[in-house]
Protein backbone atom coordinates (compact mmCIF):
# COMPACT_ATOMS: atom_id res chain seq x y z
CA MET A 1 -45.20 -4.90 14.53
CA SER A 2 -45.10 -2.07 12.02
CA PHE A 3 -47.96 -0.55 10.05
CA PHE A 4 -46.85 -2.44 6.95
CA ASP A 5 -46.67 -5.79 8.75
CA SER A 6 -50.19 -5.32 10.10
CA HIS A 7 -51.48 -4.80 6.57
CA GLY A 8 -49.70 -7.75 5.01
CA ASN A 9 -47.09 -5.82 2.99
CA LYS A 10 -43.88 -7.48 4.10
CA ASP A 11 -42.06 -7.43 0.79
CA ASN A 12 -38.92 -5.26 0.80
CA HIS A 13 -39.76 -3.62 -2.53
CA ASP A 14 -42.71 -1.94 -0.78
CA PHE A 15 -40.14 0.14 1.12
CA LYS A 16 -37.98 0.90 -1.91
CA ASN A 17 -39.13 4.52 -2.26
CA LYS A 18 -39.76 5.25 1.43
CA CYS A 19 -36.41 6.89 2.13
CA LYS A 20 -36.11 10.17 0.25
CA GLY A 21 -33.14 12.35 -0.49
CA CYS A 22 -29.73 12.38 -2.06
CA ALA A 23 -27.93 10.95 0.99
CA CYS A 24 -30.42 8.08 1.19
CA ASP A 25 -29.92 7.28 -2.49
CA ILE A 26 -26.14 7.23 -2.09
CA LEU A 27 -26.19 5.16 1.10
CA LYS A 28 -28.60 2.59 -0.37
CA LYS A 29 -25.78 1.69 -2.79
CA ALA A 30 -22.83 2.01 -0.40
CA THR A 31 -20.70 -0.99 0.46
CA GLN A 32 -19.75 -1.96 3.99
CA GLY A 33 -16.57 -0.22 5.10
CA THR A 34 -17.01 2.84 2.87
CA LEU A 35 -15.63 5.88 4.69
CA VAL A 36 -17.76 9.03 4.61
CA ASN A 37 -18.04 12.47 6.11
CA ILE A 38 -21.54 13.82 6.80
CA VAL A 39 -23.27 17.07 7.67
CA LEU A 40 -26.55 16.76 9.53
CA LYS A 41 -29.57 18.89 8.63
CA GLY A 42 -29.39 22.08 10.64
CA GLY A 43 -25.61 21.80 10.89
CA ASP A 44 -23.02 23.73 8.97
CA GLU A 45 -19.91 21.55 9.32
CA PHE A 46 -18.90 17.98 8.60
CA PHE A 47 -18.37 15.65 11.58
CA GLU A 48 -14.75 15.88 12.77
CA ASP A 49 -14.09 12.18 12.17
CA GLU A 50 -14.78 9.91 9.23
CA LEU A 51 -17.59 7.41 9.63
CA ALA A 52 -17.34 3.82 8.42
CA PHE A 53 -20.57 2.71 6.73
CA VAL A 54 -22.00 -0.56 8.07
CA CYS A 55 -25.54 -0.97 6.73
CA PHE A 56 -28.73 0.68 5.48
CA ASP A 57 -32.24 -0.42 6.49
CA PRO A 58 -34.80 0.48 3.77
CA LYS A 59 -37.71 -0.22 6.15
CA THR A 60 -36.66 2.41 8.68
CA CYS A 61 -34.25 4.61 6.66
CA CYS A 62 -31.71 4.02 9.44
CA VAL A 63 -28.06 4.02 8.48
CA THR A 64 -25.49 2.47 10.78
CA PHE A 65 -21.96 3.80 10.86
CA ILE A 66 -19.01 3.13 13.15
CA LEU A 67 -17.62 6.23 14.86
CA ASP A 68 -14.74 5.92 17.33
CA GLY A 69 -15.37 2.17 17.59
CA TYR A 70 -19.07 2.51 18.46
CA PRO A 71 -22.24 2.20 16.34
CA PHE A 72 -23.76 5.51 15.25
CA ILE A 73 -27.28 5.15 13.86
CA ILE A 74 -29.10 7.93 12.05
CA ASP A 75 -32.07 8.37 9.73
CA CYS A 76 -30.61 9.03 6.27
CA GLU A 77 -33.22 11.74 5.73
CA ASN A 78 -31.48 13.79 8.47
CA ILE A 79 -28.23 13.94 6.50
CA ALA A 80 -27.84 17.21 4.60
CA GLY A 81 -24.54 16.41 2.92
CA ILE A 82 -22.30 13.43 2.39
CA GLN A 83 -18.72 13.13 1.16
CA ILE A 84 -17.34 9.74 0.08
CA VAL A 85 -13.77 9.53 1.39
CA SER A 86 -13.03 5.97 0.22
CA SER A 87 -15.00 2.97 -0.92
């Protein structure tokens, strides 16, 4: 049970502004299958391979991608840069 559930705020719009940053804003609107390249905070280069966007969770700020056939899950706030390859 999360903090919000314990206080009765279960409505998704309560989480609307939780995830901050440019990458979060872009990924909130991305469609499944969109191919992207990302740079993580603290990094200086894009990942070698393109990532296929799967979903965005506004409650946790987690973004799920597919990388080499496996799920790759990251907090969108840890993404420093994003490049849309195809949508």
